[in-house]
Amino acid sequence: PSFSPLLSLQVTHLVIERPQFFRYKPGDYVYLNIPAIAAYEWHPFTISSAPEQQETLWLHVRSLGQWTNKLYEYFQQPELPSLEP
């Protein structure tokens, strides 16, 4: 996945390559795992991109807890370490 800059109000805007046959409707969500943050934790997030957007999925993640705060802090680093564990 690729990631765009952090947004104001401690919101991380994630842009993820959309799998070829992945279909969704407004209001659907995905479970997200980022091993660099926590290897065995999966968190649900509402998809914020339009279903017609064919190439990417957008997620907007507000920092409200330990995992989401770590995610935001991760992308504040000047040189990002690999997302792989």
Protein backbone atom coordinates (compact mmCIF):
# COMPACT_ATOMS: atom_id res chain seq x y z
CA PRO A 1 0.00 0.00 0.00
CA SER A 2 0.95 3.62 -0.44
CA PHE A 3 0.21 6.34 2.05
CA SER A 4 -0.43 10.03 1.65
CA PRO A 5 0.49 12.73 4.17
CA LEU A 6 -1.11 13.07 7.54
CA LEU A 7 -4.19 15.25 7.73
CA SER A 8 -5.02 17.77 10.42
CA LEU A 9 -6.78 16.79 13.65
CA GLN A 10 -4.65 13.66 13.95
CA VAL A 11 -6.24 11.86 11.00
CA THR A 12 -4.17 9.47 8.88
CA HIS A 13 -5.29 9.17 5.24
CA LEU A 14 -4.40 5.71 3.94
CA VAL A 15 -4.49 4.99 0.20
CA ILE A 16 -4.41 1.25 -0.51
CA GLU A 17 -4.21 -0.48 -3.87
CA ARG A 18 -7.62 -1.99 -4.57
CA PRO A 19 -7.60 -5.72 -5.41
CA GLN A 20 -8.96 -6.39 -8.90
CA PHE A 21 -12.21 -8.13 -7.89
CA PHE A 22 -12.80 -6.34 -4.58
CA ARG A 23 -16.35 -4.95 -4.48
CA TYR A 24 -18.00 -2.86 -1.78
CA LYS A 25 -20.96 -0.58 -1.12
CA PRO A 26 -21.13 2.74 0.77
CA GLY A 27 -20.86 2.07 4.50
CA ASP A 28 -18.78 -1.11 4.12
CA TYR A 29 -15.60 -1.54 6.11
CA VAL A 30 -12.33 -3.47 5.98
CA TYR A 31 -10.17 -4.98 8.69
CA LEU A 32 -6.69 -3.49 8.64
CA ASN A 33 -3.50 -5.09 9.94
CA ILE A 34 -0.18 -3.24 9.89
CA PRO A 35 2.53 -5.54 11.31
CA ALA A 36 4.89 -2.59 11.97
CA ILE A 37 2.28 -1.29 14.44
CA ALA A 38 1.00 -4.59 15.92
CA ALA A 39 1.59 -7.92 14.22
CA TYR A 40 -1.55 -9.71 15.45
CA GLU A 41 -4.12 -6.92 15.70
CA TRP A 42 -6.81 -6.28 13.09
CA HIS A 43 -8.98 -3.15 13.27
CA PRO A 44 -12.16 -2.32 11.32
CA PHE A 45 -12.33 0.96 9.36
CA THR A 46 -15.03 2.35 7.12
CA ILE A 47 -14.01 2.73 3.49
CA SER A 48 -14.18 6.43 2.64
CA SER A 49 -13.59 6.23 -1.13
CA ALA A 50 -16.41 5.91 -3.65
CA PRO A 51 -17.14 2.39 -4.99
CA GLU A 52 -16.58 3.76 -8.51
CA GLN A 53 -12.95 4.51 -7.61
CA GLN A 54 -11.39 1.52 -9.35
CA GLU A 55 -7.70 1.61 -8.43
CA THR A 56 -7.51 2.54 -4.76
CA LEU A 57 -9.32 2.32 -1.42
CA TRP A 58 -9.24 5.30 0.92
CA LEU A 59 -9.37 5.05 4.69
CA HIS A 60 -9.36 8.01 7.07
CA VAL A 61 -8.22 6.96 10.54
CA ARG A 62 -8.64 9.34 13.47
CA SER A 63 -6.20 8.88 16.36
CA LEU A 64 -8.43 7.92 19.28
CA GLY A 65 -6.68 4.99 20.94
CA GLN A 66 -3.36 3.25 21.40
CA TRP A 67 -3.23 1.53 17.97
CA THR A 68 -4.49 4.54 15.98
CA ASN A 69 -2.13 6.85 17.87
CA LYS A 70 0.79 4.53 16.98
CA LEU A 71 -0.33 4.60 13.34
CA TYR A 72 -0.36 8.41 13.30
CA GLU A 73 3.04 8.59 15.05
CA TYR A 74 4.48 6.05 12.60
CA PHE A 75 3.76 8.38 9.68
CA GLN A 76 5.19 11.41 11.50
CA GLN A 77 8.67 9.89 11.27
CA PRO A 78 10.95 11.67 8.74
CA GLU A 79 12.21 8.35 7.34
CA LEU A 80 9.65 5.60 7.50
CA PRO A 81 10.82 2.11 8.39
CA SER A 82 9.44 -0.78 6.34
CA LEU A 83 5.82 -1.78 6.97
CA GLU A 84 6.91 -5.41 6.96
CA PRO A 85 7.44 -7.05 10.40
